[in-house]
C-alpha cells in the first residue's frame, strides 16, 4: 500500500508536486515526461518482483493523477527487478525532457534490468532508507510502504484477484461455524503483522444447562501465534496455541464435573485460509496438544454434594477444530 506519510515520502511528494505545477504546461504539451522508475527485488521470483514493482509505480502515478491532475500519457515508466541505491522496494520520480527519452519505446512501459544495475542477493525484509538522499537529488525518492507483507495489487488497477494479487488485511473477525452448529457461541479476532505473522484470539463460551443430565457450561480462550507461508490471512499457516479456560459439565444423571482452578495447555495446529470475496473468506484449521486440569466431582442432583476433590486429568489429543467464517478489514492508510 502507498502511504504519503511513510518515512520521508511527504517531503519528496511536496517537492515533486511543486515541480509538476511549475512545469505542467511543458508536461501537458509533451515536451517533458514524468519519469517513474520502479525497483523491486525483495520477493522470491522475477514474476512477483515485476508484479509488485509495477503496482508500486502505479500507486505513485495514481497519487499525481489525483493530486496534480496528470494523465497516464504524461508518464514514462520503467520497472526493474533490482535494487536502487541499496534499496529493494522503492519508486524514483523525476521530470525529464523528451529528447532524453528513447523515442522508439515511448510511451510503452518496460520491465528490464539495465547493465548499470546488476542483480543482487535478496535483501532483508526491512526497507533500507539511504541517509544520503536529500530533496536536491535528481531523483526524488518516493517509497511505497512495504508493510512487511503487502502482496497488494489494487483491484481497480488489475481488475481481478489472482494467486499473487491480494489486498493486504491487518484485522479480521471470525466465528467457528463448527462450534455454532453445536450451539456454542464463539468469536475470534486476528491481527496480522510483519510479512508472515499474525495473532489469533478466539473466545468460546457456552452458558447452557439443557437439563439436569446435560450441562454444557464452559469458557475458553485459545490465543495462537501463526506463521503464514505466503502472507497473513491467505493460504497455508502453522500455529502454536494456548488453551485456557474453565468448565462445569455433566453428561448423565449421576455426576457433575467442575474445574475450580480452570484448565490450561498448549498445542500445535495447521490451517488453510481461502478468500472468496474482497472481505470474506473461509478458514480451516486442526490442532493437537496437551491440556491439564484438576476437577471436582459432585452428585448430579439439586444441591448435590462434592464427593471427589482436585482429581488431576491430563489430556493428549485434538485441542482445536475450526471451520471459520472470516471477515477481513481492508487496510486503508
C-alpha atoms as a PDB file:
ATOM      1  CA  UNK A   1       0.000   0.000   0.000  1.00  0.00           C
ATOM      2  CA  UNK A   2       1.183   3.534  -0.734  1.00  0.00           C
ATOM      3  CA  UNK A   3       1.197   5.906   2.222  1.00  0.00           C
ATOM      4  CA  UNK A   4       2.122   9.507   1.574  1.00  0.00           C
ATOM      5  CA  UNK A   5       3.266   9.960   5.180  1.00  0.00           C
ATOM      6  CA  UNK A   6       5.656   6.988   5.226  1.00  0.00           C
ATOM      7  CA  UNK A   7       9.176   7.977   6.302  1.00  0.00           C
ATOM      8  CA  UNK A   8      10.191  10.937   4.080  1.00  0.00           C
ATOM      9  CA  UNK A   9       7.562  10.464   1.383  1.00  0.00           C
ATOM     10  CA  UNK A  10       5.719  13.657   2.348  1.00  0.00           C
ATOM     11  CA  UNK A  11       8.875  15.742   1.878  1.00  0.00           C
ATOM     12  CA  UNK A  12       9.588  14.372  -1.584  1.00  0.00           C
ATOM     13  CA  UNK A  13       5.948  14.387  -2.654  1.00  0.00           C
ATOM     14  CA  UNK A  14       5.696  18.070  -1.777  1.00  0.00           C
ATOM     15  CA  UNK A  15       8.886  18.823  -3.716  1.00  0.00           C
ATOM     16  CA  UNK A  16       7.683  16.878  -6.745  1.00  0.00           C
ATOM     17  CA  UNK A  17       4.217  18.427  -6.656  1.00  0.00           C
ATOM     18  CA  UNK A  18       5.755  21.912  -6.736  1.00  0.00           C
ATOM     19  CA  UNK A  19       7.943  20.911  -9.674  1.00  0.00           C
ATOM     20  CA  UNK A  20       4.990  19.398 -11.551  1.00  0.00           C
ATOM     21  CA  UNK A  21       2.932  22.553 -11.034  1.00  0.00           C
ATOM     22  CA  UNK A  22       5.804  24.674 -12.340  1.00  0.00           C
ATOM     23  CA  UNK A  23       6.382  22.513 -15.408  1.00  0.00           C
ATOM     24  CA  UNK A  24       2.798  21.444 -16.033  1.00  0.00           C
ATOM     25  CA  UNK A  25       2.413  23.380 -19.316  1.00  0.00           C
ATOM     26  CA  UNK A  26       5.520  21.610 -20.668  1.00  0.00           C
ATOM     27  CA  UNK A  27       4.272  18.248 -19.373  1.00  0.00           C
ATOM     28  CA  UNK A  28       0.864  18.717 -20.965  1.00  0.00           C
ATOM     29  CA  UNK A  29       2.439  19.771 -24.265  1.00  0.00           C
ATOM     30  CA  UNK A  30       4.588  16.645 -24.295  1.00  0.00           C
ATOM     31  CA  UNK A  31       7.952  18.425 -24.029  1.00  0.00           C
ATOM     32  CA  UNK A  32       8.523  16.934 -20.565  1.00  0.00           C
ATOM     33  CA  UNK A  33       7.740  13.483 -19.232  1.00  0.00           C
ATOM     34  CA  UNK A  34       7.359  12.497 -15.584  1.00  0.00           C
ATOM     35  CA  UNK A  35       9.916   9.694 -15.356  1.00  0.00           C
ATOM     36  CA  UNK A  36       8.896   6.856 -12.996  1.00  0.00           C
ATOM     37  CA  UNK A  37      11.435   4.162 -12.090  1.00  0.00           C
ATOM     38  CA  UNK A  38      10.206   1.227 -10.018  1.00  0.00           C
ATOM     39  CA  UNK A  39      12.680  -1.076  -8.271  1.00  0.00           C
ATOM     40  CA  UNK A  40      11.709  -4.344  -6.581  1.00  0.00           C
ATOM     41  CA  UNK A  41      13.898  -7.336  -5.669  1.00  0.00           C
ATOM     42  CA  UNK A  42      12.622  -8.489  -2.276  1.00  0.00           C
ATOM     43  CA  UNK A  43      10.402 -11.352  -3.487  1.00  0.00           C
ATOM     44  CA  UNK A  44      11.423 -14.873  -4.390  1.00  0.00           C
ATOM     45  CA  UNK A  45      10.684 -14.837  -8.114  1.00  0.00           C
ATOM     46  CA  UNK A  46      11.102 -12.411 -11.006  1.00  0.00           C
ATOM     47  CA  UNK A  47       7.370 -12.674 -11.694  1.00  0.00           C
ATOM     48  CA  UNK A  48       6.491 -11.444  -8.224  1.00  0.00           C
ATOM     49  CA  UNK A  49       9.088  -8.661  -8.325  1.00  0.00           C
ATOM     50  CA  UNK A  50       7.742  -7.434 -11.675  1.00  0.00           C
ATOM     51  CA  UNK A  51       4.155  -7.583 -10.449  1.00  0.00           C
ATOM     52  CA  UNK A  52       4.680  -5.727  -7.187  1.00  0.00           C
ATOM     53  CA  UNK A  53       7.148  -3.279  -8.706  1.00  0.00           C
ATOM     54  CA  UNK A  54       4.543  -2.388 -11.329  1.00  0.00           C
ATOM     55  CA  UNK A  55       1.894  -1.976  -8.651  1.00  0.00           C
ATOM     56  CA  UNK A  56       4.076   0.422  -6.654  1.00  0.00           C
ATOM     57  CA  UNK A  57       4.741   2.509  -9.748  1.00  0.00           C
ATOM     58  CA  UNK A  58       1.006   2.621 -10.444  1.00  0.00           C
ATOM     59  CA  UNK A  59       0.290   3.633  -6.855  1.00  0.00           C
ATOM     60  CA  UNK A  60       2.682   6.585  -7.112  1.00  0.00           C
ATOM     61  CA  UNK A  61       1.369   7.635 -10.515  1.00  0.00           C
ATOM     62  CA  UNK A  62      -2.184   7.467  -9.176  1.00  0.00           C
ATOM     63  CA  UNK A  63      -1.188   9.939  -6.461  1.00  0.00           C
ATOM     64  CA  UNK A  64      -0.070  12.555  -9.004  1.00  0.00           C
ATOM     65  CA  UNK A  65      -3.027  11.874 -11.287  1.00  0.00           C
ATOM     66  CA  UNK A  66      -5.404  12.600  -8.393  1.00  0.00           C
ATOM     67  CA  UNK A  67      -3.449  15.387  -6.690  1.00  0.00           C
ATOM     68  CA  UNK A  68      -1.935  17.200  -9.683  1.00  0.00           C
ATOM     69  CA  UNK A  69      -4.348  16.411 -12.488  1.00  0.00           C
ATOM     70  CA  UNK A  70      -1.888  14.443 -14.609  1.00  0.00           C
ATOM     71  CA  UNK A  71      -2.828  11.648 -17.018  1.00  0.00           C
ATOM     72  CA  UNK A  72      -1.255   8.298 -17.799  1.00  0.00           C
ATOM     73  CA  UNK A  73       0.187   9.673 -21.064  1.00  0.00           C
ATOM     74  CA  UNK A  74       2.272  12.169 -19.080  1.00  0.00           C
ATOM     75  CA  UNK A  75       4.356   9.393 -17.507  1.00  0.00           C
ATOM     76  CA  UNK A  76       7.216   7.323 -18.834  1.00  0.00           C
ATOM     77  CA  UNK A  77       7.555   4.225 -16.641  1.00  0.00           C
ATOM     78  CA  UNK A  78      10.259   1.591 -16.338  1.00  0.00           C
ATOM     79  CA  UNK A  79      10.282  -1.153 -13.715  1.00  0.00           C
ATOM     80  CA  UNK A  80      13.403  -3.077 -12.700  1.00  0.00           C
ATOM     81  CA  UNK A  81      13.812  -6.352 -10.809  1.00  0.00           C
ATOM     82  CA  UNK A  82      16.823  -4.973  -8.939  1.00  0.00           C
ATOM     83  CA  UNK A  83      17.839  -2.556  -6.198  1.00  0.00           C
ATOM     84  CA  UNK A  84      18.411   1.172  -6.434  1.00  0.00           C
ATOM     85  CA  UNK A  85      20.965   2.779  -4.105  1.00  0.00           C
ATOM     86  CA  UNK A  86      20.805  -0.235  -1.832  1.00  0.00           C
ATOM     87  CA  UNK A  87      17.004  -0.181  -1.571  1.00  0.00           C
ATOM     88  CA  UNK A  88      14.971  -3.112  -2.849  1.00  0.00           C
ATOM     89  CA  UNK A  89      11.461  -1.578  -2.720  1.00  0.00           C
ATOM     90  CA  UNK A  90      11.461   1.979  -3.979  1.00  0.00           C
ATOM     91  CA  UNK A  91       9.983   4.197  -6.687  1.00  0.00           C
ATOM     92  CA  UNK A  92      12.036   7.097  -8.022  1.00  0.00           C
ATOM     93  CA  UNK A  93      10.432  10.013  -9.873  1.00  0.00           C
ATOM     94  CA  UNK A  94      11.826  12.948 -11.839  1.00  0.00           C
ATOM     95  CA  UNK A  95      10.910  15.192 -14.754  1.00  0.00           C
ATOM     96  CA  UNK A  96      12.966  14.766 -17.924  1.00  0.00           C
ATOM     97  CA  UNK A  97      12.771  16.416 -21.349  1.00  0.00           C
ATOM     98  CA  UNK A  98      11.586  14.266 -24.233  1.00  0.00           C
ATOM     99  CA  UNK A  99      14.921  14.446 -26.007  1.00  0.00           C
ATOM    100  CA  UNK A 100      16.496  12.312 -23.267  1.00  0.00           C
ATOM    101  CA  UNK A 101      13.938   9.517 -23.814  1.00  0.00           C
ATOM    102  CA  UNK A 102      14.444   6.609 -26.213  1.00  0.00           C
ATOM    103  CA  UNK A 103      11.959   7.577 -28.937  1.00  0.00           C
ATOM    104  CA  UNK A 104      11.323   4.032 -30.102  1.00  0.00           C
ATOM    105  CA  UNK A 105       9.935   2.963 -26.753  1.00  0.00           C
ATOM    106  CA  UNK A 106       7.741   5.906 -25.776  1.00  0.00           C
ATOM    107  CA  UNK A 107       5.252   5.695 -24.123  1.00  0.00           C
ATOM    108  CA  UNK A 108       5.444   1.961 -23.504  1.00  0.00           C
ATOM    109  CA  UNK A 109       6.150   0.518 -20.076  1.00  0.00           C
ATOM    110  CA  UNK A 110       9.121  -1.829 -19.937  1.00  0.00           C
ATOM    111  CA  UNK A 111      10.465  -4.303 -17.411  1.00  0.00           C
ATOM    112  CA  UNK A 112      14.202  -4.831 -17.559  1.00  0.00           C
ATOM    113  CA  UNK A 113      17.467  -4.963 -15.655  1.00  0.00           C
ATOM    114  CA  UNK A 114      19.890  -2.320 -17.001  1.00  0.00           C
ATOM    115  CA  UNK A 115      23.600  -3.032 -17.273  1.00  0.00           C
ATOM    116  CA  UNK A 116      24.337  -0.483 -14.571  1.00  0.00           C
ATOM    117  CA  UNK A 117      22.031  -2.284 -12.137  1.00  0.00           C
ATOM    118  CA  UNK A 118      23.327  -5.805 -11.768  1.00  0.00           C
ATOM    119  CA  UNK A 119      21.120  -8.305  -9.860  1.00  0.00           C
ATOM    120  CA  UNK A 120      21.970  -8.617  -6.176  1.00  0.00           C
ATOM    121  CA  UNK A 121      21.098 -11.057  -3.426  1.00  0.00           C
ATOM    122  CA  UNK A 122      17.675 -10.835  -1.835  1.00  0.00           C
ATOM    123  CA  UNK A 123      17.745  -8.062   0.833  1.00  0.00           C
ATOM    124  CA  UNK A 124      16.432  -8.177   4.342  1.00  0.00           C
ATOM    125  CA  UNK A 125      12.711  -7.648   4.816  1.00  0.00           C
ATOM    126  CA  UNK A 126      13.167  -4.191   6.337  1.00  0.00           C
ATOM    127  CA  UNK A 127      13.184  -1.373   3.827  1.00  0.00           C
ATOM    128  CA  UNK A 128      16.506   0.461   3.862  1.00  0.00           C
ATOM    129  CA  UNK A 129      16.406   4.251   3.601  1.00  0.00           C
ATOM    130  CA  UNK A 130      19.573   5.912   2.320  1.00  0.00           C
ATOM    131  CA  UNK A 131      20.729   8.727   4.579  1.00  0.00           C
ATOM    132  CA  UNK A 132      22.476  10.352   1.610  1.00  0.00           C
ATOM    133  CA  UNK A 133      19.208  11.175  -0.156  1.00  0.00           C
ATOM    134  CA  UNK A 134      18.180  14.824   0.017  1.00  0.00           C
ATOM    135  CA  UNK A 135      15.457  16.873  -1.646  1.00  0.00           C
ATOM    136  CA  UNK A 136      18.113  18.167  -4.068  1.00  0.00           C
ATOM    137  CA  UNK A 137      18.720  14.698  -5.521  1.00  0.00           C
ATOM    138  CA  UNK A 138      17.999  14.466  -9.245  1.00  0.00           C
ATOM    139  CA  UNK A 139      15.612  11.587  -8.467  1.00  0.00           C
ATOM    140  CA  UNK A 140      13.054  12.166  -5.731  1.00  0.00           C
ATOM    141  CA  UNK A 141      12.714   9.077  -3.595  1.00  0.00           C
ATOM    142  CA  UNK A 142       9.066   8.031  -3.194  1.00  0.00           C
ATOM    143  CA  UNK A 143       8.798   4.885  -1.129  1.00  0.00           C
ATOM    144  CA  UNK A 144       5.770   2.633  -1.381  1.00  0.00           C
ATOM    145  CA  UNK A 145       5.342   1.292   2.142  1.00  0.00           C
ATOM    146  CA  UNK A 146       6.032  -2.446   2.201  1.00  0.00           C
ATOM    147  CA  UNK A 147       4.090  -3.101   5.426  1.00  0.00           C
ATOM    148  CA  UNK A 148       6.376  -6.147   5.507  1.00  0.00           C
ATOM    149  CA  UNK A 149       3.797  -8.437   3.978  1.00  0.00           C
ATOM    150  CA  UNK A 150       1.988  -6.471   1.260  1.00  0.00           C
ATOM    151  CA  UNK A 151       1.193  -8.656  -1.706  1.00  0.00           C
ATOM    152  CA  UNK A 152      -1.193  -5.897  -2.833  1.00  0.00           C
ATOM    153  CA  UNK A 153      -2.229  -5.296  -6.390  1.00  0.00           C
ATOM    154  CA  UNK A 154      -5.221  -2.985  -6.329  1.00  0.00           C
ATOM    155  CA  UNK A 155      -8.401  -4.354  -7.795  1.00  0.00           C
ATOM    156  CA  UNK A 156      -9.016  -1.036  -9.540  1.00  0.00           C
ATOM    157  CA  UNK A 157      -5.750  -1.391 -11.449  1.00  0.00           C
ATOM    158  CA  UNK A 158      -5.735  -5.115 -12.051  1.00  0.00           C
ATOM    159  CA  UNK A 159      -9.478  -5.832 -12.335  1.00  0.00           C
ATOM    160  CA  UNK A 160      -9.306  -9.187 -10.563  1.00  0.00           C
ATOM    161  CA  UNK A 161      -7.522 -11.163  -7.845  1.00  0.00           C
ATOM    162  CA  UNK A 162      -5.020 -13.835  -8.801  1.00  0.00           C
ATOM    163  CA  UNK A 163      -2.832 -16.062  -6.643  1.00  0.00           C
ATOM    164  CA  UNK A 164      -0.317 -13.224  -6.384  1.00  0.00           C
ATOM    165  CA  UNK A 165      -2.734 -10.314  -6.379  1.00  0.00           C
ATOM    166  CA  UNK A 166      -4.036  -9.822  -2.878  1.00  0.00           C
ATOM    167  CA  UNK A 167      -5.048  -6.807  -0.891  1.00  0.00           C
ATOM    168  CA  UNK A 168      -3.393  -6.640   2.490  1.00  0.00           C
ATOM    169  CA  UNK A 169      -5.593  -7.064   5.538  1.00  0.00           C
ATOM    170  CA  UNK A 170      -4.443  -6.345   9.074  1.00  0.00           C
ATOM    171  CA  UNK A 171      -7.538  -7.110  11.166  1.00  0.00           C
ATOM    172  CA  UNK A 172     -10.073  -9.903  10.824  1.00  0.00           C
ATOM    173  CA  UNK A 173     -13.054 -11.105  12.854  1.00  0.00           C
ATOM    174  CA  UNK A 174     -14.335 -14.651  12.618  1.00  0.00           C
ATOM    175  CA  UNK A 175     -16.683 -17.236  14.019  1.00  0.00           C
ATOM    176  CA  UNK A 176     -16.295 -21.003  14.086  1.00  0.00           C
ATOM    177  CA  UNK A 177     -19.358 -22.455  12.363  1.00  0.00           C
ATOM    178  CA  UNK A 178     -18.461 -25.947  13.624  1.00  0.00           C
ATOM    179  CA  UNK A 179     -18.973 -24.695  17.203  1.00  0.00           C
ATOM    180  CA  UNK A 180     -22.077 -22.756  16.209  1.00  0.00           C
ATOM    181  CA  UNK A 181     -23.562 -25.989  14.885  1.00  0.00           C
ATOM    182  CA  UNK A 182     -23.146 -27.381  18.398  1.00  0.00           C
ATOM    183  CA  UNK A 183     -24.874 -24.230  19.794  1.00  0.00           C
ATOM    184  CA  UNK A 184     -21.587 -22.976  21.265  1.00  0.00           C
ATOM    185  CA  UNK A 185     -21.149 -19.221  20.907  1.00  0.00           C
ATOM    186  CA  UNK A 186     -17.723 -18.022  19.778  1.00  0.00           C
ATOM    187  CA  UNK A 187     -15.982 -15.029  18.285  1.00  0.00           C
ATOM    188  CA  UNK A 188     -12.384 -14.518  17.234  1.00  0.00           C
ATOM    189  CA  UNK A 189     -10.122 -11.612  16.334  1.00  0.00           C
ATOM    190  CA  UNK A 190      -6.926 -11.863  14.303  1.00  0.00           C
ATOM    191  CA  UNK A 191      -4.206  -9.238  13.963  1.00  0.00           C
ATOM    192  CA  UNK A 192      -1.584  -9.540  11.222  1.00  0.00           C
ATOM    193  CA  UNK A 193       1.898  -8.072  11.368  1.00  0.00           C
ATOM    194  CA  UNK A 194       5.143  -8.489   9.511  1.00  0.00           C
ATOM    195  CA  UNK A 195       5.481 -10.386   6.253  1.00  0.00           C
ATOM    196  CA  UNK A 196       4.272 -13.763   7.551  1.00  0.00           C
ATOM    197  CA  UNK A 197       2.850 -13.429  11.073  1.00  0.00           C
ATOM    198  CA  UNK A 198      -0.434 -12.986  12.905  1.00  0.00           C
ATOM    199  CA  UNK A 199      -2.000 -13.404  16.340  1.00  0.00           C
ATOM    200  CA  UNK A 200      -5.393 -15.133  16.505  1.00  0.00           C
ATOM    201  CA  UNK A 201      -7.542 -14.918  19.678  1.00  0.00           C
ATOM    202  CA  UNK A 202     -10.798 -16.927  19.612  1.00  0.00           C
ATOM    203  CA  UNK A 203     -13.132 -16.766  22.610  1.00  0.00           C
ATOM    204  CA  UNK A 204     -15.528 -19.692  23.182  1.00  0.00           C
ATOM    205  CA  UNK A 205     -18.456 -19.504  25.596  1.00  0.00           C
ATOM    206  CA  UNK A 206     -21.285 -21.918  26.376  1.00  0.00           C
ATOM    207  CA  UNK A 207     -23.716 -20.972  29.179  1.00  0.00           C
ATOM    208  CA  UNK A 208     -26.214 -23.775  28.658  1.00  0.00           C
ATOM    209  CA  UNK A 209     -27.882 -26.022  31.194  1.00  0.00           C
ATOM    210  CA  UNK A 210     -30.173 -28.054  28.962  1.00  0.00           C
ATOM    211  CA  UNK A 211     -31.360 -30.389  31.698  1.00  0.00           C
ATOM    212  CA  UNK A 212     -30.095 -31.881  34.934  1.00  0.00           C
ATOM    213  CA  UNK A 213     -28.463 -34.682  32.997  1.00  0.00           C
ATOM    214  CA  UNK A 214     -26.908 -32.416  30.374  1.00  0.00           C
ATOM    215  CA  UNK A 215     -24.998 -29.320  31.355  1.00  0.00           C
ATOM    216  CA  UNK A 216     -22.506 -27.713  28.991  1.00  0.00           C
ATOM    217  CA  UNK A 217     -21.130 -24.627  30.663  1.00  0.00           C
ATOM    218  CA  UNK A 218     -17.599 -23.558  29.867  1.00  0.00           C
ATOM    219  CA  UNK A 219     -15.433 -20.636  28.863  1.00  0.00           C
ATOM    220  CA  UNK A 220     -12.214 -20.950  26.857  1.00  0.00           C
ATOM    221  CA  UNK A 221      -9.654 -18.743  25.134  1.00  0.00           C
ATOM    222  CA  UNK A 222      -7.148 -20.095  22.598  1.00  0.00           C
ATOM    223  CA  UNK A 223      -4.599 -17.400  21.686  1.00  0.00           C
ATOM    224  CA  UNK A 224      -2.460 -18.578  18.788  1.00  0.00           C
ATOM    225  CA  UNK A 225       0.689 -17.308  17.105  1.00  0.00           C
ATOM    226  CA  UNK A 226       0.651 -18.083  13.391  1.00  0.00           C
ATOM    227  CA  UNK A 227       3.247 -18.289  10.655  1.00  0.00           C
ATOM    228  CA  UNK A 228       1.849 -17.903   7.131  1.00  0.00           C
ATOM    229  CA  UNK A 229       3.732 -19.388   4.204  1.00  0.00           C
ATOM    230  CA  UNK A 230       2.709 -16.554   1.878  1.00  0.00           C
ATOM    231  CA  UNK A 231       1.050 -13.611   3.602  1.00  0.00           C
ATOM    232  CA  UNK A 232      -1.352 -13.287   6.538  1.00  0.00           C
ATOM    233  CA  UNK A 233      -4.988 -14.428   6.189  1.00  0.00           C
ATOM    234  CA  UNK A 234      -4.329 -16.267   2.910  1.00  0.00           C
ATOM    235  CA  UNK A 235      -3.120 -19.764   2.146  1.00  0.00           C
ATOM    236  CA  UNK A 236      -1.361 -22.222   4.437  1.00  0.00           C
ATOM    237  CA  UNK A 237      -0.277 -21.481   8.006  1.00  0.00           C
ATOM    238  CA  UNK A 238       1.172 -23.197  11.057  1.00  0.00           C
ATOM    239  CA  UNK A 239       0.337 -22.153  14.598  1.00  0.00           C
ATOM    240  CA  UNK A 240       1.220 -22.617  18.247  1.00  0.00           C
ATOM    241  CA  UNK A 241      -1.660 -22.034  20.659  1.00  0.00           C
ATOM    242  CA  UNK A 242      -2.523 -21.952  24.346  1.00  0.00           C
ATOM    243  CA  UNK A 243      -5.650 -23.498  25.856  1.00  0.00           C
ATOM    244  CA  UNK A 244      -7.049 -21.589  28.836  1.00  0.00           C
ATOM    245  CA  UNK A 245     -10.497 -21.883  30.403  1.00  0.00           C
ATOM    246  CA  UNK A 246     -12.873 -23.409  32.931  1.00  0.00           C
ATOM    247  CA  UNK A 247     -15.839 -25.791  32.809  1.00  0.00           C
ATOM    248  CA  UNK A 248     -18.914 -27.054  34.664  1.00  0.00           C
ATOM    249  CA  UNK A 249     -20.367 -30.008  32.760  1.00  0.00           C
ATOM    250  CA  UNK A 250     -22.477 -33.129  33.139  1.00  0.00           C
ATOM    251  CA  UNK A 251     -23.428 -35.777  30.627  1.00  0.00           C
ATOM    252  CA  UNK A 252     -25.670 -38.049  32.722  1.00  0.00           C
ATOM    253  CA  UNK A 253     -27.815 -38.016  35.894  1.00  0.00           C
ATOM    254  CA  UNK A 254     -25.093 -39.359  38.157  1.00  0.00           C
ATOM    255  CA  UNK A 255     -22.171 -36.932  38.223  1.00  0.00           C
ATOM    256  CA  UNK A 256     -21.265 -33.305  37.519  1.00  0.00           C
ATOM    257  CA  UNK A 257     -17.695 -32.117  36.895  1.00  0.00           C
ATOM    258  CA  UNK A 258     -16.362 -28.675  37.715  1.00  0.00           C
ATOM    259  CA  UNK A 259     -12.886 -27.139  37.435  1.00  0.00           C
ATOM    260  CA  UNK A 260     -12.412 -24.673  40.299  1.00  0.00           C
ATOM    261  CA  UNK A 261      -8.998 -23.572  39.022  1.00  0.00           C
ATOM    262  CA  UNK A 262      -9.700 -23.994  35.309  1.00  0.00           C
ATOM    263  CA  UNK A 263      -7.533 -25.774  32.758  1.00  0.00           C
ATOM    264  CA  UNK A 264      -4.508 -24.890  30.669  1.00  0.00           C
ATOM    265  CA  UNK A 265      -2.429 -26.408  27.913  1.00  0.00           C
ATOM    266  CA  UNK A 266      -0.509 -25.937  24.678  1.00  0.00           C
ATOM    267  CA  UNK A 267      -0.858 -27.216  21.143  1.00  0.00           C
ATOM    268  CA  UNK A 268       0.257 -27.005  17.518  1.00  0.00           C
ATOM    269  CA  UNK A 269      -2.026 -26.504  14.558  1.00  0.00           C
ATOM    270  CA  UNK A 270      -2.168 -26.363  10.804  1.00  0.00           C
ATOM    271  CA  UNK A 271      -4.675 -24.472   8.711  1.00  0.00           C
ATOM    272  CA  UNK A 272      -5.617 -23.026   5.373  1.00  0.00           C
ATOM    273  CA  UNK A 273      -7.410 -19.744   4.649  1.00  0.00           C
ATOM    274  CA  UNK A 274      -9.411 -19.380   1.452  1.00  0.00           C
ATOM    275  CA  UNK A 275     -10.651 -15.895   0.489  1.00  0.00           C
ATOM    276  CA  UNK A 276     -13.781 -15.935  -1.658  1.00  0.00           C
ATOM    277  CA  UNK A 277     -14.581 -12.200  -1.769  1.00  0.00           C
ATOM    278  CA  UNK A 278     -12.769  -8.963  -1.098  1.00  0.00           C
ATOM    279  CA  UNK A 279     -13.527  -9.060   2.619  1.00  0.00           C
ATOM    280  CA  UNK A 280     -14.961 -12.522   3.186  1.00  0.00           C
ATOM    281  CA  UNK A 281     -13.154 -15.825   3.463  1.00  0.00           C
ATOM    282  CA  UNK A 282     -13.169 -19.290   4.985  1.00  0.00           C
ATOM    283  CA  UNK A 283     -10.562 -20.803   7.281  1.00  0.00           C
ATOM    284  CA  UNK A 284      -9.982 -24.456   8.112  1.00  0.00           C
ATOM    285  CA  UNK A 285      -7.759 -25.495  10.987  1.00  0.00           C
ATOM    286  CA  UNK A 286      -6.939 -28.553  13.085  1.00  0.00           C
ATOM    287  CA  UNK A 287      -4.745 -28.642  16.180  1.00  0.00           C
ATOM    288  CA  UNK A 288      -3.490 -31.128  18.724  1.00  0.00           C
ATOM    289  CA  UNK A 289      -1.683 -30.831  22.008  1.00  0.00           C
ATOM    290  CA  UNK A 290      -1.809 -31.175  25.790  1.00  0.00           C
ATOM    291  CA  UNK A 291      -4.318 -29.974  28.412  1.00  0.00           C
ATOM    292  CA  UNK A 292      -4.040 -30.258  32.198  1.00  0.00           C
ATOM    293  CA  UNK A 293      -6.768 -29.679  34.763  1.00  0.00           C
ATOM    294  CA  UNK A 294      -7.894 -30.633  38.268  1.00  0.00           C
ATOM    295  CA  UNK A 295     -11.615 -31.033  38.722  1.00  0.00           C
ATOM    296  CA  UNK A 296     -14.140 -31.698  41.489  1.00  0.00           C
ATOM    297  CA  UNK A 297     -16.943 -34.256  41.138  1.00  0.00           C
ATOM    298  CA  UNK A 298     -20.475 -33.671  42.503  1.00  0.00           C
ATOM    299  CA  UNK A 299     -23.587 -35.803  42.694  1.00  0.00           C
ATOM    300  CA  UNK A 300     -25.720 -34.571  39.811  1.00  0.00           C
ATOM    301  CA  UNK A 301     -28.829 -33.709  41.807  1.00  0.00           C
ATOM    302  CA  UNK A 302     -30.088 -30.347  43.074  1.00  0.00           C
ATOM    303  CA  UNK A 303     -27.589 -29.119  45.689  1.00  0.00           C
ATOM    304  CA  UNK A 304     -25.604 -32.307  45.158  1.00  0.00           C
ATOM    305  CA  UNK A 305     -22.568 -32.554  47.423  1.00  0.00           C
ATOM    306  CA  UNK A 306     -18.982 -32.862  46.277  1.00  0.00           C
ATOM    307  CA  UNK A 307     -17.585 -36.330  46.843  1.00  0.00           C
ATOM    308  CA  UNK A 308     -14.261 -36.008  44.992  1.00  0.00           C
ATOM    309  CA  UNK A 309     -11.892 -33.032  45.047  1.00  0.00           C
ATOM    310  CA  UNK A 310      -8.943 -31.991  42.917  1.00  0.00           C
ATOM    311  CA  UNK A 311      -8.752 -35.018  40.661  1.00  0.00           C
ATOM    312  CA  UNK A 312      -5.957 -34.438  38.123  1.00  0.00           C
ATOM    313  CA  UNK A 313      -6.523 -35.079  34.461  1.00  0.00           C
ATOM    314  CA  UNK A 314      -4.003 -34.893  31.634  1.00  0.00           C
ATOM    315  CA  UNK A 315      -5.247 -34.937  28.071  1.00  0.00           C
ATOM    316  CA  UNK A 316      -3.300 -35.537  24.863  1.00  0.00           C
ATOM    317  CA  UNK A 317      -5.164 -35.250  21.590  1.00  0.00           C
ATOM    318  CA  UNK A 318      -7.148 -32.867  19.399  1.00  0.00           C
ATOM    319  CA  UNK A 319      -7.347 -29.437  21.017  1.00  0.00           C
ATOM    320  CA  UNK A 320      -8.623 -27.349  18.140  1.00  0.00           C
ATOM    321  CA  UNK A 321     -11.067 -27.832  15.271  1.00  0.00           C
ATOM    322  CA  UNK A 322     -12.131 -24.899  13.165  1.00  0.00           C
ATOM    323  CA  UNK A 323     -14.296 -24.172  10.152  1.00  0.00           C
ATOM    324  CA  UNK A 324     -14.326 -20.402  10.387  1.00  0.00           C
ATOM    325  CA  UNK A 325     -16.230 -17.749   8.527  1.00  0.00           C
ATOM    326  CA  UNK A 326     -13.902 -14.746   8.317  1.00  0.00           C
ATOM    327  CA  UNK A 327     -14.459 -11.059   7.642  1.00  0.00           C
ATOM    328  CA  UNK A 328     -11.267  -9.162   6.914  1.00  0.00           C
ATOM    329  CA  UNK A 329     -10.807  -5.416   7.266  1.00  0.00           C
ATOM    330  CA  UNK A 330      -9.108  -3.751   4.320  1.00  0.00           C
ATOM    331  CA  UNK A 331      -6.025  -1.804   5.403  1.00  0.00           C
ATOM    332  CA  UNK A 332      -6.615   1.710   4.047  1.00  0.00           C
ATOM    333  CA  UNK A 333      -3.989   4.255   5.035  1.00  0.00           C
END
